[in-house]
């Protein structure tokens, strides 16, 4: 539907539904197996839902609308124009979202920012009721900054699942997902910012036909779970996956990346629910430690596809980009290294947006900014100073968020210390290196970098003591002029 006219003018104009809505809405007719005999579908069940264009060739709807579908017909609500559904390009079970790829083009809606939505805001929704008058008005009843749902008071029917919820500007601020069994006028919408994240994934994803998509482990498992089939197997897989994941993490932390990869391989091959996305994310990190950057990147990307709302995949991809950037920098491939470091920073930022209380991400982003700052310094670019300062701010936040954990805090103080060196604050850097050494006195790198800072201040005698200690702990630091840091 396009060009909906709203005549209500009683209330404040800033809270009025949009006078003209630009976008194509569709009705989705779903064919799914009704009865299966000896592996063959012998009856077909017909159901319906709504959807709307979010790109010229992509339609957003609910996961539960298309779950189990063997065929989908998409019809434009106001003209009965039919769009050919090629398959699924992205989905998220937890957020109840799916994005379909179609052959023909429609007009995409503008996706708004649900962050500005407030209780009491007027909204409109466009869905399917079997006639041409498919618009209802309502109000936002409850919204929370980090909630998966926005509660809306509006007379939404079951066939409206997947329809757009619009603000007064005609922008999509949510996707209607489900109603309330006790109160028919209450509905719940998935926030538009969640849809934006999934749409970004869809841009680079390959189309999967319905038959292939339905065989994906998490799709099939969710279908079984809804039907109370295989419930105990789900629980067992979660427990088993957790135990194996712990074993792999221990190996990875000790530097046995190959051993960790072998365990992650088993988790992934077994499709152990509850551990799958994390296994891909951590296997990607382990592979990057071994220099297998292409496969590492593929694992990180798969983790994102499995759950675009989890920080794990973005953190993994940031780690891989940073490691690959270091690899390029060590080979004087500066342009490629700069690009990879920036990609790492972007990925870490994405992870922080999804998990803002995770201190480790801030430290890793700070380290990536420091590494990029080093390259900018070598190129004589003033941008280095901004990067060093941002690295200090990131590590400040990391230390604020995590007050315990000697190993983590020692590494974070070191990141802040080298960033301060970049800013020319050698005295401040020495204070941070002192704290790193107090928390982890066995790390040669901390003595080495403190020696460099002391040397810059003319404290050459003390610098030699630090260099000697670094060499005692790790013979790689025999060359005291080596400034290529490792962390």
Protein backbone atom coordinates (compact mmCIF):
# COMPACT_ATOMS: atom_id res chain seq x y z
CA UNK A 1 0.00 0.00 0.00
CA UNK A 2 1.21 3.49 -0.82
CA UNK A 3 -0.05 7.05 -0.22
CA UNK A 4 -2.31 6.50 2.83
CA UNK A 5 -4.27 9.63 3.82
CA UNK A 6 -5.05 10.26 7.49
CA UNK A 7 -7.75 12.84 8.30
CA UNK A 8 -7.58 12.95 12.13
CA UNK A 9 -6.35 16.44 13.17
CA UNK A 10 -7.58 16.67 16.76
CA UNK A 11 -4.27 16.21 18.52
CA UNK A 12 -0.84 17.85 18.42
CA UNK A 13 0.46 17.78 14.84
CA UNK A 14 3.85 16.49 15.99
CA UNK A 15 2.11 13.37 17.20
CA UNK A 16 -0.12 12.82 14.17
CA UNK A 17 0.21 9.70 12.03
CA UNK A 18 1.94 10.39 8.72
CA UNK A 19 -0.21 12.08 6.12
CA UNK A 20 1.52 10.22 3.32
CA UNK A 21 3.36 6.96 3.67
CA UNK A 22 5.86 5.96 1.00
CA UNK A 23 6.47 2.26 0.75
CA UNK A 24 5.12 -1.03 -0.52
CA UNK A 25 3.32 -3.39 1.86
CA UNK A 26 2.53 -7.00 0.92
CA UNK A 27 0.39 -9.87 2.05
CA UNK A 28 2.31 -13.13 2.36
CA UNK A 29 0.43 -16.33 1.63
CA UNK A 30 2.34 -19.22 3.17
CA UNK A 31 2.10 -22.86 2.15
CA UNK A 32 3.50 -25.27 4.74
CA UNK A 33 3.26 -29.04 5.27
CA UNK A 34 -0.02 -30.06 6.88
CA UNK A 35 0.60 -33.82 6.99
CA UNK A 36 3.68 -35.78 5.95
CA UNK A 37 3.51 -39.46 5.03
CA UNK A 38 6.74 -41.44 4.59
CA UNK A 39 8.70 -38.25 3.96
CA UNK A 40 6.22 -36.86 1.41
CA UNK A 41 3.91 -33.88 1.97
CA UNK A 42 0.39 -35.17 1.37
CA UNK A 43 -1.56 -32.14 2.63
CA UNK A 44 -0.71 -28.45 2.59
CA UNK A 45 -1.60 -25.89 5.23
CA UNK A 46 -2.27 -22.29 4.20
CA UNK A 47 -1.53 -19.35 6.47
CA UNK A 48 -0.83 -15.66 6.02
CA UNK A 49 1.08 -12.70 7.29
CA UNK A 50 2.30 -9.26 6.29
CA UNK A 51 5.56 -7.83 5.05
CA UNK A 52 7.01 -4.65 3.62
CA UNK A 53 9.86 -3.58 1.37
CA UNK A 54 13.06 -2.46 3.12
CA UNK A 55 15.10 -2.35 -0.09
CA UNK A 56 14.14 -2.42 -3.76
CA UNK A 57 14.32 -6.20 -3.84
CA UNK A 58 13.94 -7.15 -0.17
CA UNK A 59 10.89 -7.67 2.03
CA UNK A 60 10.96 -7.77 5.83
CA UNK A 61 8.57 -9.92 7.84
CA UNK A 62 8.51 -12.10 10.94
CA UNK A 63 10.51 -15.31 11.23
CA UNK A 64 7.44 -17.11 12.56
CA UNK A 65 5.46 -16.08 9.44
CA UNK A 66 7.79 -17.90 7.04
CA UNK A 67 8.96 -20.65 9.38
CA UNK A 68 8.11 -24.04 7.84
CA UNK A 69 7.12 -22.52 4.47
CA UNK A 70 7.51 -24.62 1.34
CA UNK A 71 6.17 -21.81 -0.85
CA UNK A 72 5.55 -18.08 -0.32
CA UNK A 73 3.40 -15.81 -2.46
CA UNK A 74 3.83 -12.07 -1.91
CA UNK A 75 1.00 -9.78 -3.07
CA UNK A 76 0.88 -6.01 -2.89
CA UNK A 77 -2.06 -5.12 -0.67
CA UNK A 78 -3.69 -2.38 -2.75
CA UNK A 79 -3.20 -3.75 -6.29
CA UNK A 80 -2.73 -7.54 -5.89
CA UNK A 81 0.57 -7.28 -7.79
CA UNK A 82 2.52 -10.52 -7.22
CA UNK A 83 6.23 -10.58 -6.34
CA UNK A 84 8.35 -13.69 -6.92
CA UNK A 85 10.05 -14.80 -3.70
CA UNK A 86 13.51 -16.19 -4.49
CA UNK A 87 14.36 -17.16 -0.91
CA UNK A 88 15.71 -15.92 2.44
CA UNK A 89 18.77 -13.65 2.73
CA UNK A 90 18.82 -13.03 6.50
CA UNK A 91 16.91 -13.96 9.63
CA UNK A 92 17.03 -13.84 13.41
CA UNK A 93 15.07 -16.35 15.43
CA UNK A 94 15.31 -14.47 18.74
CA UNK A 95 14.11 -11.19 17.25
CA UNK A 96 11.49 -12.92 15.09
CA UNK A 97 12.68 -11.32 11.86
CA UNK A 98 13.31 -12.56 8.33
CA UNK A 99 14.24 -10.79 5.09
CA UNK A 100 13.06 -12.19 1.76
CA UNK A 101 14.70 -11.63 -1.63
CA UNK A 102 12.25 -10.99 -4.48
CA UNK A 103 12.74 -10.73 -8.23
CA UNK A 104 10.52 -7.72 -8.88
CA UNK A 105 11.09 -4.32 -7.28
CA UNK A 106 8.98 -2.40 -4.79
CA UNK A 107 9.30 0.92 -2.98
CA UNK A 108 11.19 0.58 0.30
CA UNK A 109 10.02 2.24 3.49
CA UNK A 110 12.37 4.57 5.35
CA UNK A 111 13.67 2.92 8.51
CA UNK A 112 13.60 5.34 11.44
CA UNK A 113 15.51 5.35 14.71
CA UNK A 114 13.49 3.68 17.45
CA UNK A 115 15.82 5.27 20.00
CA UNK A 116 13.68 8.40 19.93
CA UNK A 117 10.38 6.60 20.48
CA UNK A 118 8.60 7.55 23.70
CA UNK A 119 5.62 6.26 25.60
CA UNK A 120 2.44 7.90 24.31
CA UNK A 121 3.72 8.51 20.76
CA UNK A 122 1.09 8.09 18.06
CA UNK A 123 1.82 5.34 15.53
CA UNK A 124 0.22 3.74 12.48
CA UNK A 125 0.38 0.18 11.21
CA UNK A 126 -0.35 -1.26 7.78
CA UNK A 127 -1.34 -4.92 7.49
CA UNK A 128 -3.80 -7.30 5.90
CA UNK A 129 -7.45 -7.70 6.88
CA UNK A 130 -8.81 -9.03 3.59
CA UNK A 131 -9.95 -5.64 2.27
CA UNK A 132 -8.37 -2.40 1.05
CA UNK A 133 -8.69 -0.45 4.32
CA UNK A 134 -5.65 -1.86 6.05
CA UNK A 135 -4.45 0.97 8.28
CA UNK A 136 -4.92 1.25 12.04
CA UNK A 137 -3.73 3.84 14.50
CA UNK A 138 -2.41 3.34 18.01
CA UNK A 139 0.00 4.57 20.66
CA UNK A 140 3.26 3.36 22.12
CA UNK A 141 2.58 1.99 25.59
CA UNK A 142 6.00 0.83 26.69
CA UNK A 143 9.46 1.16 25.24
CA UNK A 144 12.86 0.49 26.77
CA UNK A 145 16.27 1.40 25.41
CA UNK A 146 17.65 -2.15 25.27
CA UNK A 147 14.43 -4.16 25.12
CA UNK A 148 13.77 -6.58 22.28
CA UNK A 149 10.16 -5.36 22.06
CA UNK A 150 8.08 -2.18 21.95
CA UNK A 151 4.54 -2.57 23.31
CA UNK A 152 1.83 -0.90 21.26
CA UNK A 153 -1.86 -0.37 21.92
CA UNK A 154 -3.65 -0.87 18.59
CA UNK A 155 -6.30 -3.27 17.18
CA UNK A 156 -3.83 -5.56 15.40
CA UNK A 157 -5.06 -8.91 14.08
CA UNK A 158 -3.09 -12.18 13.65
CA UNK A 159 -2.67 -11.61 9.89
CA UNK A 160 -0.80 -8.40 10.65
CA UNK A 161 2.32 -10.19 11.87
CA UNK A 162 5.27 -8.71 9.97
CA UNK A 163 3.60 -5.40 9.16
CA UNK A 164 5.40 -2.04 9.57
CA UNK A 165 4.72 0.23 12.54
CA UNK A 166 5.23 3.86 11.58
CA UNK A 167 5.86 7.11 13.41
CA UNK A 168 4.36 10.50 12.57
CA UNK A 169 6.95 11.00 9.81
CA UNK A 170 5.99 7.78 8.04
CA UNK A 171 9.23 6.10 9.13
CA UNK A 172 9.30 2.49 10.28
CA UNK A 173 10.04 2.33 14.02
CA UNK A 174 9.07 -1.32 14.50
CA UNK A 175 7.84 -4.58 12.97
CA UNK A 176 4.68 -6.01 14.52
CA UNK A 177 5.47 -9.49 15.82
CA UNK A 178 2.80 -10.78 18.17
CA UNK A 179 -0.29 -9.90 20.15
CA UNK A 180 -1.49 -10.49 23.68
CA UNK A 181 -3.83 -13.43 24.30
CA UNK A 182 -5.62 -11.66 27.16
CA UNK A 183 -5.78 -8.17 25.67
CA UNK A 184 -6.46 -8.19 21.93
CA UNK A 185 -5.63 -4.49 21.55
CA UNK A 186 -2.05 -4.99 22.79
CA UNK A 187 0.75 -5.84 20.36
CA UNK A 188 4.53 -6.13 20.43
CA UNK A 189 6.88 -4.80 17.76
CA UNK A 190 10.53 -5.54 17.05
CA UNK A 191 12.45 -2.20 17.15
CA UNK A 192 13.55 -0.79 13.80
CA UNK A 193 17.21 -0.57 14.84
CA UNK A 194 17.21 -4.36 15.22
CA UNK A 195 15.89 -4.62 11.67
CA UNK A 196 18.63 -2.25 10.44
CA UNK A 197 21.32 -4.57 11.80
CA UNK A 198 19.76 -7.55 10.02
CA UNK A 199 19.42 -5.57 6.79
CA UNK A 200 23.17 -4.84 6.86
CA UNK A 201 23.79 -8.59 7.06
CA UNK A 202 21.37 -9.16 4.16
CA UNK A 203 23.35 -6.84 1.88
CA UNK A 204 26.30 -9.26 1.70
CA UNK A 205 24.42 -12.54 2.19
CA UNK A 206 23.61 -15.11 -0.47
CA UNK A 207 20.02 -16.06 -1.17
CA UNK A 208 18.95 -19.43 0.22
CA UNK A 209 15.98 -21.17 -1.33
CA UNK A 210 13.19 -22.09 1.07
CA UNK A 211 14.03 -25.79 0.85
CA UNK A 212 17.68 -25.15 1.74
CA UNK A 213 16.88 -22.56 4.41
CA UNK A 214 14.39 -24.83 6.18
CA UNK A 215 17.19 -27.39 6.60
CA UNK A 216 19.43 -24.94 8.48
CA UNK A 217 20.02 -26.30 11.93
CA UNK A 218 18.66 -23.37 13.95
CA UNK A 219 15.58 -23.05 11.71
CA UNK A 220 14.79 -26.74 11.88
CA UNK A 221 15.50 -26.91 15.59
CA UNK A 222 13.21 -23.98 16.33
CA UNK A 223 10.43 -25.62 14.33
CA UNK A 224 10.88 -28.84 16.31
CA UNK A 225 10.96 -26.93 19.55
CA UNK A 226 7.68 -25.17 18.79
CA UNK A 227 6.07 -28.52 18.17
CA UNK A 228 7.58 -29.90 21.40
CA UNK A 229 9.64 -32.30 19.32
CA UNK A 230 13.23 -32.98 20.27
CA UNK A 231 13.03 -30.81 23.41
CA UNK A 232 15.27 -33.04 25.52
CA UNK A 233 17.77 -33.24 22.68
CA UNK A 234 17.94 -29.44 22.66
CA UNK A 235 18.73 -29.39 26.39
CA UNK A 236 21.37 -32.10 26.05
CA UNK A 237 23.05 -30.32 23.14
CA UNK A 238 23.21 -27.10 25.13
CA UNK A 239 24.87 -28.83 28.09
CA UNK A 240 27.24 -30.83 25.93
CA UNK A 241 28.16 -27.77 23.88
CA UNK A 242 28.92 -25.78 27.02
CA UNK A 243 31.34 -28.41 28.38
CA UNK A 244 33.18 -28.68 25.07
CA UNK A 245 33.30 -24.90 24.75
CA UNK A 246 34.97 -24.61 28.17
CA UNK A 247 37.62 -27.16 27.15
CA UNK A 248 38.32 -25.26 23.93
CA UNK A 249 38.53 -21.92 25.77
CA UNK A 250 41.09 -23.30 28.19
CA UNK A 251 43.26 -24.54 25.33
CA UNK A 252 42.93 -21.23 23.51
CA UNK A 253 43.86 -19.20 26.59
CA UNK A 254 46.99 -21.34 27.04
CA UNK A 255 48.09 -20.72 23.46
CA UNK A 256 47.08 -24.13 22.11
CA UNK A 257 45.12 -22.68 19.19
CA UNK A 258 45.28 -25.85 17.11
CA UNK A 259 43.85 -27.87 20.00
CA UNK A 260 41.09 -25.31 20.49
CA UNK A 261 40.24 -25.38 16.77
CA UNK A 262 39.91 -29.17 16.87
CA UNK A 263 37.27 -28.88 19.61
CA UNK A 264 35.45 -26.03 17.87
CA UNK A 265 35.39 -28.21 14.72
CA UNK A 266 33.55 -30.90 16.68
CA UNK A 267 31.05 -28.45 18.14
CA UNK A 268 30.30 -27.02 14.71
CA UNK A 269 30.11 -30.43 13.03
CA UNK A 270 27.67 -31.62 15.70
CA UNK A 271 25.63 -28.40 15.34
CA UNK A 272 25.46 -28.14 19.12
CA UNK A 273 22.81 -25.53 19.87
CA UNK A 274 23.77 -22.89 22.39
CA UNK A 275 27.45 -23.05 21.43
CA UNK A 276 27.37 -22.71 17.65
CA UNK A 277 27.74 -18.94 17.15
CA UNK A 278 30.38 -18.72 19.89
CA UNK A 279 32.27 -21.67 18.40
CA UNK A 280 32.46 -19.91 15.02
CA UNK A 281 33.50 -16.62 16.65
CA UNK A 282 36.24 -18.16 18.79
CA UNK A 283 37.45 -20.48 16.04
CA UNK A 284 37.89 -17.39 13.88
CA UNK A 285 40.08 -15.79 16.54
CA UNK A 286 42.12 -18.98 16.94
CA UNK A 287 42.65 -19.25 13.18
CA UNK A 288 43.82 -15.63 13.02
CA UNK A 289 46.42 -16.42 15.69
CA UNK A 290 47.75 -19.09 13.32
CA UNK A 291 47.76 -16.70 10.35
CA UNK A 292 44.80 -18.31 8.57
CA UNK A 293 43.08 -14.97 8.03
CA UNK A 294 40.71 -15.87 5.18
CA UNK A 295 39.14 -18.82 6.99
CA UNK A 296 39.13 -16.81 10.20
CA UNK A 297 37.13 -14.06 8.49
CA UNK A 298 34.66 -16.61 7.12
CA UNK A 299 34.09 -17.98 10.65
CA UNK A 300 33.53 -14.50 12.08
CA UNK A 301 31.05 -13.69 9.32
CA UNK A 302 29.15 -16.95 9.97
CA UNK A 303 28.90 -16.03 13.65
CA UNK A 304 27.30 -12.72 12.64
CA UNK A 305 24.85 -14.47 10.31
CA UNK A 306 23.81 -16.87 13.08
CA UNK A 307 22.95 -14.02 15.43
CA UNK A 308 23.36 -10.44 14.18
CA UNK A 309 22.26 -9.12 17.58
CA UNK A 310 25.09 -10.82 19.43
CA UNK A 311 28.38 -8.98 19.89
CA UNK A 312 30.42 -12.19 19.50
CA UNK A 313 30.65 -12.19 15.70
CA UNK A 314 31.55 -8.50 15.44
CA UNK A 315 34.17 -8.87 18.19
CA UNK A 316 35.65 -11.87 16.37
CA UNK A 317 35.76 -10.06 13.04
CA UNK A 318 37.37 -7.05 14.72
CA UNK A 319 40.04 -9.31 16.21
CA UNK A 320 40.70 -10.93 12.83
CA UNK A 321 40.90 -7.59 11.02
CA UNK A 322 43.31 -6.27 13.64
CA UNK A 323 45.55 -9.35 13.44
CA UNK A 324 45.49 -9.26 9.64
CA UNK A 325 46.33 -5.55 9.76
CA UNK A 326 49.36 -6.27 11.96
CA UNK A 327 50.44 -8.95 9.49
CA UNK A 328 50.26 -6.42 6.64
CA UNK A 329 51.99 -3.68 8.65
CA UNK A 330 54.92 -5.96 9.47
CA UNK A 331 55.36 -6.44 5.72
CA UNK A 332 55.22 -2.69 5.05
CA UNK A 333 51.91 -3.02 3.20
CA UNK A 334 50.78 0.19 4.87
CA UNK A 335 47.63 1.03 2.88
CA UNK A 336 46.16 -2.43 3.40
CA UNK A 337 47.12 -2.37 7.08
CA UNK A 338 45.45 1.02 7.62
CA UNK A 339 42.25 -0.22 5.99
CA UNK A 340 42.18 -3.39 8.10
CA UNK A 341 42.82 -1.50 11.34
CA UNK A 342 39.92 0.84 10.53
CA UNK A 343 37.68 -2.14 9.77
CA UNK A 344 38.68 -3.60 13.15
CA UNK A 345 37.75 -0.35 14.88
CA UNK A 346 34.38 -0.35 13.10
CA UNK A 347 33.69 -3.94 14.14
CA UNK A 348 34.65 -3.29 17.75
CA UNK A 349 32.33 -0.28 17.72
CA UNK A 350 29.52 -2.51 16.46
CA UNK A 351 30.24 -4.98 19.24
CA UNK A 352 30.20 -2.19 21.83
CA UNK A 353 26.82 -0.98 20.56
CA UNK A 354 25.47 -4.46 21.21
CA UNK A 355 27.34 -5.08 24.49
CA UNK A 356 28.27 -1.67 25.97
CA UNK A 357 29.16 -3.11 29.37
CA UNK A 358 31.86 -5.48 28.01
CA UNK A 359 35.20 -3.97 29.10
CA UNK A 360 37.36 -6.22 26.92
CA UNK A 361 35.94 -4.74 23.72
CA UNK A 362 36.95 -1.22 24.72
CA UNK A 363 40.53 -2.29 25.38
CA UNK A 364 40.74 -4.09 22.05
CA UNK A 365 39.33 -1.10 20.20
CA UNK A 366 41.83 1.11 22.00
CA UNK A 367 44.67 -1.19 20.93
CA UNK A 368 43.49 -1.10 17.31
CA UNK A 369 43.38 2.71 17.44
CA UNK A 370 46.91 2.76 18.85
CA UNK A 371 48.19 0.50 16.06
CA UNK A 372 46.52 2.66 13.42
CA UNK A 373 47.98 5.71 15.18
CA UNK A 374 51.47 4.24 14.83
CA UNK A 375 51.03 3.96 11.06
CA UNK A 376 49.66 7.49 10.85
CA UNK A 377 52.67 8.72 12.85
CA UNK A 378 55.05 6.97 10.46
CA UNK A 379 53.25 8.69 7.57
CA UNK A 380 53.50 12.06 9.30
CA UNK A 381 49.73 12.42 9.61
CA UNK A 382 48.22 14.55 12.37
CA UNK A 383 45.31 12.08 12.69
CA UNK A 384 47.59 9.96 14.88
CA UNK A 385 47.10 12.25 17.87
CA UNK A 386 43.31 11.86 17.76
CA UNK A 387 43.68 8.09 17.57
CA UNK A 388 46.02 8.00 20.57
CA UNK A 389 43.63 10.17 22.59
CA UNK A 390 40.65 7.98 21.67
CA UNK A 391 42.69 4.93 22.72
CA UNK A 392 43.21 6.54 26.14
CA UNK A 393 39.47 7.19 26.45
CA UNK A 394 38.66 3.59 25.47
CA UNK A 395 41.02 2.18 28.09
CA UNK A 396 39.66 4.58 30.72
CA UNK A 397 36.22 3.12 30.09
CA UNK A 398 37.54 -0.46 30.13
CA UNK A 399 39.20 0.08 33.52
CA UNK A 400 36.05 1.69 34.87
CA UNK A 401 33.88 -1.21 33.74
CA UNK A 402 36.13 -3.99 35.04
CA UNK A 403 37.57 -3.36 38.48
CA UNK A 404 38.91 -6.90 38.94
CA UNK A 405 41.03 -9.31 36.93
CA UNK A 406 44.78 -8.72 37.15
CA UNK A 407 45.60 -10.05 33.67
CA UNK A 408 42.98 -7.95 31.92
CA UNK A 409 43.72 -4.78 33.86
CA UNK A 410 47.49 -5.14 33.34
CA UNK A 411 46.96 -5.40 29.57
CA UNK A 412 44.60 -2.42 29.62
CA UNK A 413 47.06 -0.25 31.58
CA UNK A 414 49.67 -1.20 28.97
CA UNK A 415 47.37 -0.12 26.11
CA UNK A 416 46.80 3.20 27.81
CA UNK A 417 50.51 3.53 28.48
CA UNK A 418 51.61 3.13 24.87
CA UNK A 419 48.84 5.51 23.76
CA UNK A 420 50.21 8.09 26.21
CA UNK A 421 53.66 7.57 24.73
CA UNK A 422 52.15 8.44 21.36
CA UNK A 423 50.79 11.63 22.90
CA UNK A 424 54.21 12.48 24.34
CA UNK A 425 53.09 11.91 27.95
CA UNK A 426 55.99 9.65 28.93
CA UNK A 427 55.58 10.26 32.67
CA UNK A 428 51.92 9.26 32.52
CA UNK A 429 52.89 6.23 30.43
CA UNK A 430 55.43 5.11 33.05
CA UNK A 431 52.74 5.28 35.73
CA UNK A 432 50.55 2.97 33.65
CA UNK A 433 53.44 0.59 32.90
CA UNK A 434 54.20 0.49 36.65
CA UNK A 435 50.65 -0.67 37.26
CA UNK A 436 50.87 -3.25 34.45
CA UNK A 437 54.04 -4.70 36.01
CA UNK A 438 52.52 -4.70 39.50
CA UNK A 439 49.56 -6.72 38.22
CA UNK A 440 51.58 -9.00 35.93
CA UNK A 441 55.32 -8.96 36.76
CA UNK A 442 56.10 -11.83 34.37
CA UNK A 443 55.29 -9.94 31.15
CA UNK A 444 58.50 -8.89 29.38
CA UNK A 445 56.71 -6.44 27.10
CA UNK A 446 55.73 -4.20 30.01
CA UNK A 447 59.37 -3.79 31.17
CA UNK A 448 60.51 -3.21 27.60
CA UNK A 449 57.99 -0.44 26.95
CA UNK A 450 58.63 1.19 30.31
CA UNK A 451 62.33 1.18 29.39
CA UNK A 452 61.53 3.01 26.16
CA UNK A 453 59.48 5.63 28.03
CA UNK A 454 62.26 6.12 30.58
CA UNK A 455 64.82 6.44 27.82
CA UNK A 456 62.70 9.17 26.21
CA UNK A 457 62.92 11.11 29.49
CA UNK A 458 66.68 10.67 29.66
CA UNK A 459 66.52 8.07 32.46
CA UNK A 460 68.96 5.81 30.65
CA UNK A 461 70.23 3.91 33.69
CA UNK A 462 66.73 2.87 34.74
CA UNK A 463 65.87 2.12 31.12
CA UNK A 464 68.77 -0.36 30.89
CA UNK A 465 67.50 -2.14 34.02
CA UNK A 466 64.08 -2.53 32.42
CA UNK A 467 65.56 -3.76 29.15
CA UNK A 468 67.65 -6.32 31.04
CA UNK A 469 64.57 -7.57 32.89
CA UNK A 470 62.63 -7.85 29.63
CA UNK A 471 65.46 -9.91 28.10
CA UNK A 472 65.58 -12.12 31.20
CA UNK A 473 61.88 -12.90 30.84
CA UNK A 474 61.87 -13.19 27.04
CA UNK A 475 64.98 -13.38 24.83
CA UNK A 476 62.98 -11.84 21.95
CA UNK A 477 63.53 -8.48 23.62
CA UNK A 478 67.34 -8.57 23.31
CA UNK A 479 67.04 -5.78 20.75
CA UNK A 480 66.00 -2.91 23.02
CA UNK A 481 65.35 -0.65 20.04
CA UNK A 482 62.51 -2.88 18.85
CA UNK A 483 59.33 -0.83 19.11
CA UNK A 484 56.94 -3.26 17.45
CA UNK A 485 54.66 -3.99 20.33
CA UNK A 486 52.79 -7.19 20.90
CA UNK A 487 49.75 -7.79 23.06
